[in-house]
Amino acid sequence: MALLAIMAAVVVPGLWGQYTRFQEQQQVEHFWQKVSAYVRNERRQGQNVTLQQQSAVLLQAAAEHGLAAALAVPIVFRSDGMVSGGDINLTTAADRHWVVQVAMPDGEVVIEKR
């Protein structure tokens, strides 16, 4: 019984933490999928896209996924495939912080928890 109690005290909270992190990561990834789909569509039509703090697509995607988004500097996606690069800082409802890093020059993306 003592072993069962110890396992419940140690393992269950650890699994819960992994589960909540997985859920948050899914939220962030779905947020980025929505934003990047918009960017791809605009670029296919020959348009440049500038993501700024108050960009409608950014605000809408963040609200849909229960996130708050912040950009220190605008990120420019040119129709020729070049990207200015930058970070999109995201905050979850549980006040955990994630960042979507868009690298210059080709727009490679890294998503990580901060």
PDB file of N, CA and C in Angstrom:
ATOM      1  N   MET A   1       0.817  -1.194   0.000  1.00  0.00           N
ATOM      2  CA  MET A   1       0.000   0.000   0.000  1.00  0.00           C
ATOM      3  C   MET A   1       0.865   1.264   0.000  1.00  0.00           C
ATOM      4  N   ALA A   2       1.910   1.229   0.772  1.00  0.00           N
ATOM      5  CA  ALA A   2       2.781   2.393   0.845  1.00  0.00           C
ATOM      6  C   ALA A   2       3.414   2.669  -0.519  1.00  0.00           C
ATOM      7  N   LEU A   3       3.783   1.595  -1.203  1.00  0.00           N
ATOM      8  CA  LEU A   3       4.371   1.751  -2.530  1.00  0.00           C
ATOM      9  C   LEU A   3       3.364   2.366  -3.497  1.00  0.00           C
ATOM     10  N   LEU A   4       2.129   1.948  -3.404  1.00  0.00           N
ATOM     11  CA  LEU A   4       1.070   2.496  -4.246  1.00  0.00           C
ATOM     12  C   LEU A   4       0.854   3.987  -3.949  1.00  0.00           C
ATOM     13  N   ALA A   5       0.896   4.347  -2.683  1.00  0.00           N
ATOM     14  CA  ALA A   5       0.732   5.748  -2.294  1.00  0.00           C
ATOM     15  C   ALA A   5       1.889   6.595  -2.802  1.00  0.00           C
ATOM     16  N   ILE A   6       3.102   6.064  -2.715  1.00  0.00           N
ATOM     17  CA  ILE A   6       4.274   6.803  -3.200  1.00  0.00           C
ATOM     18  C   ILE A   6       4.188   6.988  -4.709  1.00  0.00           C
ATOM     19  N   MET A   7       3.793   5.916  -5.410  1.00  0.00           N
ATOM     20  CA  MET A   7       3.663   6.031  -6.865  1.00  0.00           C
ATOM     21  C   MET A   7       2.611   7.064  -7.242  1.00  0.00           C
ATOM     22  N   ALA A   8       1.499   7.060  -6.519  1.00  0.00           N
ATOM     23  CA  ALA A   8       0.434   8.023  -6.810  1.00  0.00           C
ATOM     24  C   ALA A   8       0.897   9.443  -6.537  1.00  0.00           C
ATOM     25  N   ALA A   9       1.706   9.616  -5.507  1.00  0.00           N
ATOM     26  CA  ALA A   9       2.178  10.955  -5.151  1.00  0.00           C
ATOM     27  C   ALA A   9       3.243  11.464  -6.115  1.00  0.00           C
ATOM     28  N   VAL A  10       4.003  10.564  -6.711  1.00  0.00           N
ATOM     29  CA  VAL A  10       5.105  10.980  -7.574  1.00  0.00           C
ATOM     30  C   VAL A  10       4.742  10.890  -9.058  1.00  0.00           C
ATOM     31  N   VAL A  11       4.181   9.795  -9.487  1.00  0.00           N
ATOM     32  CA  VAL A  11       3.951   9.537 -10.902  1.00  0.00           C
ATOM     33  C   VAL A  11       2.785  10.345 -11.452  1.00  0.00           C
ATOM     34  N   VAL A  12       1.666  10.374 -10.755  1.00  0.00           N
ATOM     35  CA  VAL A  12       0.473  11.033 -11.275  1.00  0.00           C
ATOM     36  C   VAL A  12       0.702  12.523 -11.549  1.00  0.00           C
ATOM     37  N   PRO A  13       1.285  13.284 -10.608  1.00  0.00           N
ATOM     38  CA  PRO A  13       1.540  14.699 -10.938  1.00  0.00           C
ATOM     39  C   PRO A  13       2.486  14.872 -12.123  1.00  0.00           C
ATOM     40  N   GLY A  14       3.462  13.986 -12.241  1.00  0.00           N
ATOM     41  CA  GLY A  14       4.380  14.060 -13.378  1.00  0.00           C
ATOM     42  C   GLY A  14       3.664  13.812 -14.695  1.00  0.00           C
ATOM     43  N   LEU A  15       2.782  12.819 -14.699  1.00  0.00           N
ATOM     44  CA  LEU A  15       2.016  12.536 -15.909  1.00  0.00           C
ATOM     45  C   LEU A  15       1.064  13.679 -16.232  1.00  0.00           C
ATOM     46  N   TRP A  16       0.469  14.268 -15.216  1.00  0.00           N
ATOM     47  CA  TRP A  16      -0.435  15.396 -15.438  1.00  0.00           C
ATOM     48  C   TRP A  16       0.332  16.571 -16.042  1.00  0.00           C
ATOM     49  N   GLY A  17       1.531  16.810 -15.544  1.00  0.00           N
ATOM     50  CA  GLY A  17       2.356  17.882 -16.091  1.00  0.00           C
ATOM     51  C   GLY A  17       2.696  17.635 -17.550  1.00  0.00           C
ATOM     52  N   GLN A  18       3.009  16.386 -17.901  1.00  0.00           N
ATOM     53  CA  GLN A  18       3.297  16.047 -19.294  1.00  0.00           C
ATOM     54  C   GLN A  18       2.063  16.246 -20.159  1.00  0.00           C
ATOM     55  N   TYR A  19       0.908  15.863 -19.620  1.00  0.00           N
ATOM     56  CA  TYR A  19      -0.335  16.003 -20.379  1.00  0.00           C
ATOM     57  C   TYR A  19      -0.670  17.468 -20.639  1.00  0.00           C
ATOM     58  N   THR A  20      -0.542  18.321 -19.617  1.00  0.00           N
ATOM     59  CA  THR A  20      -0.857  19.741 -19.807  1.00  0.00           C
ATOM     60  C   THR A  20       0.153  20.392 -20.753  1.00  0.00           C
ATOM     61  N   ARG A  21       1.412  19.994 -20.681  1.00  0.00           N
ATOM     62  CA  ARG A  21       2.410  20.542 -21.609  1.00  0.00           C
ATOM     63  C   ARG A  21       2.082  20.127 -23.044  1.00  0.00           C
ATOM     64  N   PHE A  22       1.665  18.868 -23.222  1.00  0.00           N
ATOM     65  CA  PHE A  22       1.286  18.384 -24.542  1.00  0.00           C
ATOM     66  C   PHE A  22       0.099  19.181 -25.078  1.00  0.00           C
ATOM     67  N   GLN A  23      -0.910  19.432 -24.232  1.00  0.00           N
ATOM     68  CA  GLN A  23      -2.077  20.210 -24.657  1.00  0.00           C
ATOM     69  C   GLN A  23      -1.670  21.623 -25.076  1.00  0.00           C
ATOM     70  N   GLU A  24      -0.813  22.253 -24.270  1.00  0.00           N
ATOM     71  CA  GLU A  24      -0.353  23.600 -24.609  1.00  0.00           C
ATOM     72  C   GLU A  24       0.429  23.601 -25.914  1.00  0.00           C
ATOM     73  N   GLN A  25       1.275  22.606 -26.095  1.00  0.00           N
ATOM     74  CA  GLN A  25       2.053  22.534 -27.330  1.00  0.00           C
ATOM     75  C   GLN A  25       1.118  22.391 -28.526  1.00  0.00           C
ATOM     76  N   GLN A  26       0.062  21.602 -28.375  1.00  0.00           N
ATOM     77  CA  GLN A  26      -0.923  21.456 -29.443  1.00  0.00           C
ATOM     78  C   GLN A  26      -1.596  22.792 -29.747  1.00  0.00           C
ATOM     79  N   GLN A  27      -1.935  23.553 -28.704  1.00  0.00           N
ATOM     80  CA  GLN A  27      -2.545  24.876 -28.903  1.00  0.00           C
ATOM     81  C   GLN A  27      -1.618  25.764 -29.724  1.00  0.00           C
ATOM     82  N   VAL A  28      -0.355  25.795 -29.339  1.00  0.00           N
ATOM     83  CA  VAL A  28       0.622  26.651 -30.013  1.00  0.00           C
ATOM     84  C   VAL A  28       0.828  26.194 -31.459  1.00  0.00           C
ATOM     85  N   GLU A  29       0.932  24.894 -31.664  1.00  0.00           N
ATOM     86  CA  GLU A  29       1.130  24.389 -33.022  1.00  0.00           C
ATOM     87  C   GLU A  29      -0.083  24.684 -33.904  1.00  0.00           C
ATOM     88  N   HIS A  30      -1.289  24.544 -33.380  1.00  0.00           N
ATOM     89  CA  HIS A  30      -2.492  24.857 -34.163  1.00  0.00           C
ATOM     90  C   HIS A  30      -2.576  26.356 -34.465  1.00  0.00           C
ATOM     91  N   PHE A  31      -2.154  27.168 -33.501  1.00  0.00           N
ATOM     92  CA  PHE A  31      -2.071  28.615 -33.724  1.00  0.00           C
ATOM     93  C   PHE A  31      -1.154  28.885 -34.919  1.00  0.00           C
ATOM     94  N   TRP A  32       0.043  28.299 -34.905  1.00  0.00           N
ATOM     95  CA  TRP A  32       1.005  28.553 -35.981  1.00  0.00           C
ATOM     96  C   TRP A  32       0.503  28.004 -37.309  1.00  0.00           C
ATOM     97  N   GLN A  33      -0.173  26.864 -37.300  1.00  0.00           N
ATOM     98  CA  GLN A  33      -0.717  26.315 -38.540  1.00  0.00           C
ATOM     99  C   GLN A  33      -1.701  27.289 -39.181  1.00  0.00           C
ATOM    100  N   LYS A  34      -2.535  27.908 -38.360  1.00  0.00           N
ATOM    101  CA  LYS A  34      -3.513  28.865 -38.888  1.00  0.00           C
ATOM    102  C   LYS A  34      -2.805  30.088 -39.473  1.00  0.00           C
ATOM    103  N   VAL A  35      -1.842  30.624 -38.736  1.00  0.00           N
ATOM    104  CA  VAL A  35      -1.116  31.809 -39.207  1.00  0.00           C
ATOM    105  C   VAL A  35      -0.324  31.480 -40.473  1.00  0.00           C
ATOM    106  N   SER A  36       0.385  30.366 -40.473  1.00  0.00           N
ATOM    107  CA  SER A  36       1.213  30.028 -41.640  1.00  0.00           C
ATOM    108  C   SER A  36       0.360  29.696 -42.864  1.00  0.00           C
ATOM    109  N   ALA A  37      -0.829  29.134 -42.672  1.00  0.00           N
ATOM    110  CA  ALA A  37      -1.722  28.876 -43.814  1.00  0.00           C
ATOM    111  C   ALA A  37      -2.136  30.196 -44.456  1.00  0.00           C
ATOM    112  N   TYR A  38      -2.420  31.199 -43.636  1.00  0.00           N
ATOM    113  CA  TYR A  38      -2.766  32.523 -44.158  1.00  0.00           C
ATOM    114  C   TYR A  38      -1.587  33.109 -44.937  1.00  0.00           C
ATOM    115  N   VAL A  39      -0.402  33.026 -44.348  1.00  0.00           N
ATOM    116  CA  VAL A  39       0.803  33.575 -44.999  1.00  0.00           C
ATOM    117  C   VAL A  39       1.053  32.872 -46.334  1.00  0.00           C
ATOM    118  N   ARG A  40       0.969  31.537 -46.343  1.00  0.00           N
ATOM    119  CA  ARG A  40       1.189  30.785 -47.596  1.00  0.00           C
ATOM    120  C   ARG A  40       0.196  31.205 -48.676  1.00  0.00           C
ATOM    121  N   ASN A  41      -1.064  31.333 -48.298  1.00  0.00           N
ATOM    122  CA  ASN A  41      -2.100  31.711 -49.254  1.00  0.00           C
ATOM    123  C   ASN A  41      -1.818  33.095 -49.853  1.00  0.00           C
ATOM    124  N   GLU A  42      -1.452  34.043 -49.024  1.00  0.00           N
ATOM    125  CA  GLU A  42      -1.156  35.388 -49.505  1.00  0.00           C
ATOM    126  C   GLU A  42       0.079  35.405 -50.405  1.00  0.00           C
ATOM    127  N   ARG A  43       1.100  34.641 -50.037  1.00  0.00           N
ATOM    128  CA  ARG A  43       2.324  34.602 -50.835  1.00  0.00           C
ATOM    129  C   ARG A  43       2.080  33.965 -52.197  1.00  0.00           C
ATOM    130  N   ARG A  44       1.222  32.952 -52.244  1.00  0.00           N
ATOM    131  CA  ARG A  44       0.886  32.321 -53.528  1.00  0.00           C
ATOM    132  C   ARG A  44       0.238  33.310 -54.478  1.00  0.00           C
ATOM    133  N   GLN A  45      -0.459  34.269 -53.930  1.00  0.00           N
ATOM    134  CA  GLN A  45      -1.122  35.293 -54.740  1.00  0.00           C
ATOM    135  C   GLN A  45      -0.192  36.465 -55.058  1.00  0.00           C
ATOM    136  N   GLY A  46       1.082  36.333 -54.667  1.00  0.00           N
ATOM    137  CA  GLY A  46       2.061  37.369 -54.976  1.00  0.00           C
ATOM    138  C   GLY A  46       2.087  38.520 -53.980  1.00  0.00           C
ATOM    139  N   GLN A  47       1.475  38.327 -52.837  1.00  0.00           N
ATOM    140  CA  GLN A  47       1.415  39.390 -51.826  1.00  0.00           C
ATOM    141  C   GLN A  47       2.496  39.190 -50.764  1.00  0.00           C
ATOM    142  N   ASN A  48       3.032  40.285 -50.263  1.00  0.00           N
ATOM    143  CA  ASN A  48       3.896  40.253 -49.096  1.00  0.00           C
ATOM    144  C   ASN A  48       3.003  40.324 -47.864  1.00  0.00           C
ATOM    145  N   VAL A  49       3.430  39.682 -46.775  1.00  0.00           N
ATOM    146  CA  VAL A  49       2.653  39.694 -45.537  1.00  0.00           C
ATOM    147  C   VAL A  49       3.528  40.219 -44.419  1.00  0.00           C
ATOM    148  N   THR A  50       2.996  41.164 -43.660  1.00  0.00           N
ATOM    149  CA  THR A  50       3.691  41.679 -42.491  1.00  0.00           C
ATOM    150  C   THR A  50       2.860  41.354 -41.261  1.00  0.00           C
ATOM    151  N   LEU A  51       3.421  40.517 -40.382  1.00  0.00           N
ATOM    152  CA  LEU A  51       2.756  40.230 -39.117  1.00  0.00           C
ATOM    153  C   LEU A  51       3.190  41.277 -38.110  1.00  0.00           C
ATOM    154  N   GLN A  52       2.225  41.972 -37.563  1.00  0.00           N
ATOM    155  CA  GLN A  52       2.482  42.987 -36.544  1.00  0.00           C
ATOM    156  C   GLN A  52       1.664  42.657 -35.309  1.00  0.00           C
ATOM    157  N   GLN A  53       1.898  43.373 -34.240  1.00  0.00           N
ATOM    158  CA  GLN A  53       1.200  43.129 -32.976  1.00  0.00           C
ATOM    159  C   GLN A  53      -0.320  43.113 -33.159  1.00  0.00           C
ATOM    160  N   GLN A  54      -0.852  43.994 -33.980  1.00  0.00           N
ATOM    161  CA  GLN A  54      -2.300  44.105 -34.144  1.00  0.00           C
ATOM    162  C   GLN A  54      -2.818  43.476 -35.441  1.00  0.00           C
ATOM    163  N   SER A  55      -2.052  42.580 -36.053  1.00  0.00           N
ATOM    164  CA  SER A  55      -2.508  41.913 -37.273  1.00  0.00           C
ATOM    165  C   SER A  55      -3.749  41.082 -36.957  1.00  0.00           C
ATOM    166  N   ALA A  56      -4.762  41.214 -37.814  1.00  0.00           N
ATOM    167  CA  ALA A  56      -6.024  40.513 -37.585  1.00  0.00           C
ATOM    168  C   ALA A  56      -5.837  39.003 -37.518  1.00  0.00           C
ATOM    169  N   VAL A  57      -5.042  38.437 -38.417  1.00  0.00           N
ATOM    170  CA  VAL A  57      -4.854  36.990 -38.433  1.00  0.00           C
ATOM    171  C   VAL A  57      -4.182  36.515 -37.151  1.00  0.00           C
ATOM    172  N   LEU A  58      -3.245  37.290 -36.652  1.00  0.00           N
ATOM    173  CA  LEU A  58      -2.533  36.948 -35.422  1.00  0.00           C
ATOM    174  C   LEU A  58      -3.486  36.985 -34.227  1.00  0.00           C
ATOM    175  N   LEU A  59      -4.258  38.055 -34.113  1.00  0.00           N
ATOM    176  CA  LEU A  59      -5.191  38.192 -32.998  1.00  0.00           C
ATOM    177  C   LEU A  59      -6.279  37.128 -33.038  1.00  0.00           C
ATOM    178  N   GLN A  60      -6.794  36.857 -34.241  1.00  0.00           N
ATOM    179  CA  GLN A  60      -7.859  35.874 -34.383  1.00  0.00           C
ATOM    180  C   GLN A  60      -7.358  34.466 -34.044  1.00  0.00           C
ATOM    181  N   ALA A  61      -6.200  34.091 -34.554  1.00  0.00           N
ATOM    182  CA  ALA A  61      -5.651  32.760 -34.276  1.00  0.00           C
ATOM    183  C   ALA A  61      -5.337  32.604 -32.794  1.00  0.00           C
ATOM    184  N   ALA A  62      -4.803  33.635 -32.172  1.00  0.00           N
ATOM    185  CA  ALA A  62      -4.499  33.571 -30.742  1.00  0.00           C
ATOM    186  C   ALA A  62      -5.783  33.404 -29.934  1.00  0.00           C
ATOM    187  N   ALA A  63      -6.805  34.176 -30.258  1.00  0.00           N
ATOM    188  CA  ALA A  63      -8.070  34.087 -29.525  1.00  0.00           C
ATOM    189  C   ALA A  63      -8.714  32.714 -29.707  1.00  0.00           C
ATOM    190  N   GLU A  64      -8.670  32.176 -30.917  1.00  0.00           N
ATOM    191  CA  GLU A  64      -9.243  30.853 -31.189  1.00  0.00           C
ATOM    192  C   GLU A  64      -8.608  29.757 -30.348  1.00  0.00           C
ATOM    193  N   HIS A  65      -7.332  29.915 -30.038  1.00  0.00           N
ATOM    194  CA  HIS A  65      -6.604  28.865 -29.335  1.00  0.00           C
ATOM    195  C   HIS A  65      -6.305  29.221 -27.880  1.00  0.00           C
ATOM    196  N   GLY A  66      -6.950  30.250 -27.359  1.00  0.00           N
ATOM    197  CA  GLY A  66      -6.795  30.605 -25.950  1.00  0.00           C
ATOM    198  C   GLY A  66      -5.415  31.115 -25.595  1.00  0.00           C
ATOM    199  N   LEU A  67      -4.820  31.865 -26.501  1.00  0.00           N
ATOM    200  CA  LEU A  67      -3.464  32.381 -26.303  1.00  0.00           C
ATOM    201  C   LEU A  67      -3.458  33.899 -26.410  1.00  0.00           C
ATOM    202  N   ALA A  68      -2.448  34.499 -25.826  1.00  0.00           N
ATOM    203  CA  ALA A  68      -2.180  35.924 -26.028  1.00  0.00           C
ATOM    204  C   ALA A  68      -0.871  36.013 -26.798  1.00  0.00           C
ATOM    205  N   ALA A  69      -0.864  36.767 -27.890  1.00  0.00           N
ATOM    206  CA  ALA A  69       0.319  36.865 -28.759  1.00  0.00           C
ATOM    207  C   ALA A  69       0.940  38.249 -28.661  1.00  0.00           C
ATOM    208  N   ALA A  70       2.272  38.282 -28.699  1.00  0.00           N
ATOM    209  CA  ALA A  70       2.993  39.555 -28.671  1.00  0.00           C
ATOM    210  C   ALA A  70       4.190  39.468 -29.613  1.00  0.00           C
ATOM    211  N   LEU A  71       4.392  40.524 -30.372  1.00  0.00           N
ATOM    212  CA  LEU A  71       5.550  40.641 -31.261  1.00  0.00           C
ATOM    213  C   LEU A  71       6.305  41.911 -30.908  1.00  0.00           C
ATOM    214  N   ALA A  72       7.604  41.803 -30.720  1.00  0.00           N
ATOM    215  CA  ALA A  72       8.417  42.989 -30.451  1.00  0.00           C
ATOM    216  C   ALA A  72       8.688  43.746 -31.749  1.00  0.00           C
ATOM    217  N   VAL A  73       8.949  43.002 -32.811  1.00  0.00           N
ATOM    218  CA  VAL A  73       9.199  43.578 -34.128  1.00  0.00           C
ATOM    219  C   VAL A  73       8.352  42.856 -35.165  1.00  0.00           C
ATOM    220  N   PRO A  74       7.862  43.581 -36.160  1.00  0.00           N
ATOM    221  CA  PRO A  74       7.074  42.928 -37.217  1.00  0.00           C
ATOM    222  C   PRO A  74       7.902  41.886 -37.965  1.00  0.00           C
ATOM    223  N   ILE A  75       7.231  40.853 -38.447  1.00  0.00           N
ATOM    224  CA  ILE A  75       7.868  39.820 -39.251  1.00  0.00           C
ATOM    225  C   ILE A  75       7.314  39.950 -40.670  1.00  0.00           C
ATOM    226  N   VAL A  76       8.216  40.128 -41.639  1.00  0.00           N
ATOM    227  CA  VAL A  76       7.808  40.314 -43.029  1.00  0.00           C
ATOM    228  C   VAL A  76       8.075  39.031 -43.802  1.00  0.00           C
ATOM    229  N   PHE A  77       7.021  38.517 -44.436  1.00  0.00           N
ATOM    230  CA  PHE A  77       7.110  37.363 -45.318  1.00  0.00           C
ATOM    231  C   PHE A  77       6.944  37.879 -46.742  1.00  0.00           C
ATOM    232  N   ARG A  78       8.018  37.864 -47.516  1.00  0.00           N
ATOM    233  CA  ARG A  78       7.942  38.366 -48.884  1.00  0.00           C
ATOM    234  C   ARG A  78       7.459  37.279 -49.826  1.00  0.00           C
ATOM    235  N   SER A  79       6.847  37.698 -50.911  1.00  0.00           N
ATOM    236  CA  SER A  79       6.302  36.743 -51.871  1.00  0.00           C
ATOM    237  C   SER A  79       7.388  35.929 -52.572  1.00  0.00           C
ATOM    238  N   ASP A  80       8.634  36.407 -52.557  1.00  0.00           N
ATOM    239  CA  ASP A  80       9.728  35.658 -53.193  1.00  0.00           C
ATOM    240  C   ASP A  80      10.333  34.597 -52.264  1.00  0.00           C
ATOM    241  N   GLY A  81       9.750  34.439 -51.066  1.00  0.00           N
ATOM    242  CA  GLY A  81      10.204  33.400 -50.146  1.00  0.00           C
ATOM    243  C   GLY A  81      11.105  33.874 -49.029  1.00  0.00           C
ATOM    244  N   MET A  82      11.552  35.096 -49.074  1.00  0.00           N
ATOM    245  CA  MET A  82      12.419  35.634 -48.019  1.00  0.00           C
ATOM    246  C   MET A  82      11.580  36.073 -46.823  1.00  0.00           C
ATOM    247  N   VAL A  83      12.178  35.934 -45.642  1.00  0.00           N
ATOM    248  CA  VAL A  83      11.495  36.295 -44.390  1.00  0.00           C
ATOM    249  C   VAL A  83      12.450  37.134 -43.558  1.00  0.00           C
ATOM    250  N   SER A  84      11.915  38.183 -42.902  1.00  0.00           N
ATOM    251  CA  SER A  84      12.766  39.041 -42.079  1.00  0.00           C
ATOM    252  C   SER A  84      13.136  38.385 -40.753  1.00  0.00           C
ATOM    253  N   GLY A  85      12.352  37.428 -40.291  1.00  0.00           N
ATOM    254  CA  GLY A  85      12.633  36.731 -39.037  1.00  0.00           C
ATOM    255  C   GLY A  85      12.136  37.502 -37.829  1.00  0.00           C
ATOM    256  N   GLY A  86      11.925  36.771 -36.760  1.00  0.00           N
ATOM    257  CA  GLY A  86      11.469  37.369 -35.509  1.00  0.00           C
ATOM    258  C   GLY A  86      10.795  36.338 -34.628  1.00  0.00           C
ATOM    259  N   ASP A  87      10.340  36.792 -33.477  1.00  0.00           N
ATOM    260  CA  ASP A  87       9.709  35.916 -32.491  1.00  0.00           C
ATOM    261  C   ASP A  87       8.270  36.328 -32.246  1.00  0.00           C
ATOM    262  N   ILE A  88       7.405  35.327 -32.121  1.00  0.00           N
ATOM    263  CA  ILE A  88       6.035  35.552 -31.677  1.00  0.00           C
ATOM    264  C   ILE A  88       5.959  34.947 -30.287  1.00  0.00           C
ATOM    265  N   ASN A  89       5.793  35.792 -29.285  1.00  0.00           N
ATOM    266  CA  ASN A  89       5.705  35.334 -27.904  1.00  0.00           C
ATOM    267  C   ASN A  89       4.248  35.057 -27.565  1.00  0.00           C
ATOM    268  N   LEU A  90       3.998  33.859 -27.033  1.00  0.00           N
ATOM    269  CA  LEU A  90       2.640  33.447 -26.716  1.00  0.00           C
ATOM    270  C   LEU A  90       2.526  33.147 -25.225  1.00  0.00           C
ATOM    271  N   THR A  91       1.383  33.493 -24.658  1.00  0.00           N
ATOM    272  CA  THR A  91       1.094  33.204 -23.257  1.00  0.00           C
ATOM    273  C   THR A  91      -0.204  32.418 -23.202  1.00  0.00           C
ATOM    274  N   THR A  92      -0.184  31.304 -22.466  1.00  0.00           N
ATOM    275  CA  THR A  92      -1.375  30.468 -22.342  1.00  0.00           C
ATOM    276  C   THR A  92      -2.262  31.003 -21.218  1.00  0.00           C
ATOM    277  N   ALA A  93      -3.447  30.407 -21.099  1.00  0.00           N
ATOM    278  CA  ALA A  93      -4.374  30.792 -20.034  1.00  0.00           C
ATOM    279  C   ALA A  93      -3.784  30.505 -18.657  1.00  0.00           C
ATOM    280  N   ALA A  94      -2.899  29.518 -18.572  1.00  0.00           N
ATOM    281  CA  ALA A  94      -2.244  29.170 -17.304  1.00  0.00           C
ATOM    282  C   ALA A  94      -0.991  30.015 -17.065  1.00  0.00           C
ATOM    283  N   ASP A  95      -0.803  31.079 -17.865  1.00  0.00           N
ATOM    284  CA  ASP A  95       0.329  32.006 -17.762  1.00  0.00           C
ATOM    285  C   ASP A  95       1.682  31.331 -18.013  1.00  0.00           C
ATOM    286  N   ARG A  96       1.688  30.355 -18.916  1.00  0.00           N
ATOM    287  CA  ARG A  96       2.943  29.751 -19.358  1.00  0.00           C
ATOM    288  C   ARG A  96       3.335  30.390 -20.679  1.00  0.00           C
ATOM    289  N   HIS A  97       4.627  30.501 -20.896  1.00  0.00           N
ATOM    290  CA  HIS A  97       5.131  31.240 -22.053  1.00  0.00           C
ATOM    291  C   HIS A  97       5.758  30.302 -23.083  1.00  0.00           C
ATOM    292  N   TRP A  98       5.404  30.551 -24.346  1.00  0.00           N
ATOM    293  CA  TRP A  98       5.929  29.824 -25.492  1.00  0.00           C
ATOM    294  C   TRP A  98       6.422  30.848 -26.503  1.00  0.00           C
ATOM    295  N   VAL A  99       7.318  30.432 -27.365  1.00  0.00           N
ATOM    296  CA  VAL A  99       7.787  31.320 -28.428  1.00  0.00           C
ATOM    297  C   VAL A  99       7.821  30.563 -29.749  1.00  0.00           C
ATOM    298  N   VAL A 100       7.355  31.242 -30.791  1.00  0.00           N
ATOM    299  CA  VAL A 100       7.460  30.742 -32.161  1.00  0.00           C
ATOM    300  C   VAL A 100       8.550  31.585 -32.805  1.00  0.00           C
ATOM    301  N   GLN A 101       9.689  30.964 -33.064  1.00  0.00           N
ATOM    302  CA  GLN A 101      10.823  31.674 -33.665  1.00  0.00           C
ATOM    303  C   GLN A 101      10.808  31.429 -35.168  1.00  0.00           C
ATOM    304  N   VAL A 102      10.748  32.516 -35.922  1.00  0.00           N
ATOM    305  CA  VAL A 102      10.781  32.440 -37.379  1.00  0.00           C
ATOM    306  C   VAL A 102      12.158  32.935 -37.809  1.00  0.00           C
ATOM    307  N   ALA A 103      12.931  32.052 -38.434  1.00  0.00           N
ATOM    308  CA  ALA A 103      14.326  32.376 -38.770  1.00  0.00           C
ATOM    309  C   ALA A 103      14.425  33.054 -40.126  1.00  0.00           C
ATOM    310  N   MET A 104      15.386  33.918 -40.225  1.00  0.00           N
ATOM    311  CA  MET A 104      15.732  34.582 -41.461  1.00  0.00           C
ATOM    312  C   MET A 104      16.752  33.694 -42.176  1.00  0.00           C
ATOM    313  N   PRO A 105      16.825  33.533 -43.411  1.00  0.00           N
ATOM    314  CA  PRO A 105      16.112  34.174 -44.502  1.00  0.00           C
ATOM    315  C   PRO A 105      14.951  33.349 -45.043  1.00  0.00           C
ATOM    316  N   ASP A 106      14.873  32.042 -44.651  1.00  0.00           N
ATOM    317  CA  ASP A 106      13.897  31.168 -45.307  1.00  0.00           C
ATOM    318  C   ASP A 106      12.635  30.894 -44.502  1.00  0.00           C
ATOM    319  N   GLY A 107      12.534  31.394 -43.283  1.00  0.00           N
ATOM    320  CA  GLY A 107      11.319  31.232 -42.496  1.00  0.00           C
ATOM    321  C   GLY A 107      11.222  29.926 -41.737  1.00  0.00           C
ATOM    322  N   GLU A 108      12.342  29.269 -41.483  1.00  0.00           N
ATOM    323  CA  GLU A 108      12.312  28.045 -40.680  1.00  0.00           C
ATOM    324  C   GLU A 108      11.760  28.382 -39.297  1.00  0.00           C
ATOM    325  N   VAL A 109      10.906  27.507 -38.766  1.00  0.00           N
ATOM    326  CA  VAL A 109      10.195  27.798 -37.522  1.00  0.00           C
ATOM    327  C   VAL A 109      10.623  26.823 -36.423  1.00  0.00           C
ATOM    328  N   VAL A 110      10.839  27.376 -35.231  1.00  0.00           N
ATOM    329  CA  VAL A 110      11.118  26.572 -34.038  1.00  0.00           C
ATOM    330  C   VAL A 110      10.110  27.015 -32.977  1.00  0.00           C
ATOM    331  N   ILE A 111       9.431  26.041 -32.373  1.00  0.00           N
ATOM    332  CA  ILE A 111       8.474  26.335 -31.318  1.00  0.00           C
ATOM    333  C   ILE A 111       9.038  25.756 -30.021  1.00  0.00           C
ATOM    334  N   GLU A 112       9.131  26.600 -29.002  1.00  0.00           N
ATOM    335  CA  GLU A 112       9.651  26.099 -27.726  1.00  0.00           C
ATOM    336  C   GLU A 112       8.986  26.803 -26.550  1.00  0.00           C
ATOM    337  N   LYS A 113       9.003  26.090 -25.431  1.00  0.00           N
ATOM    338  CA  LYS A 113       8.449  26.616 -24.183  1.00  0.00           C
ATOM    339  C   LYS A 113       9.527  27.453 -23.505  1.00  0.00           C
ATOM    340  N   ARG A 114       9.127  28.561 -22.933  1.00  0.00           N
ATOM    341  CA  ARG A 114      10.084  29.415 -22.220  1.00  0.00           C
ATOM    342  C   ARG A 114       9.821  29.387 -20.752  1.00  0.00           C
TER     343      ARG A 114
END
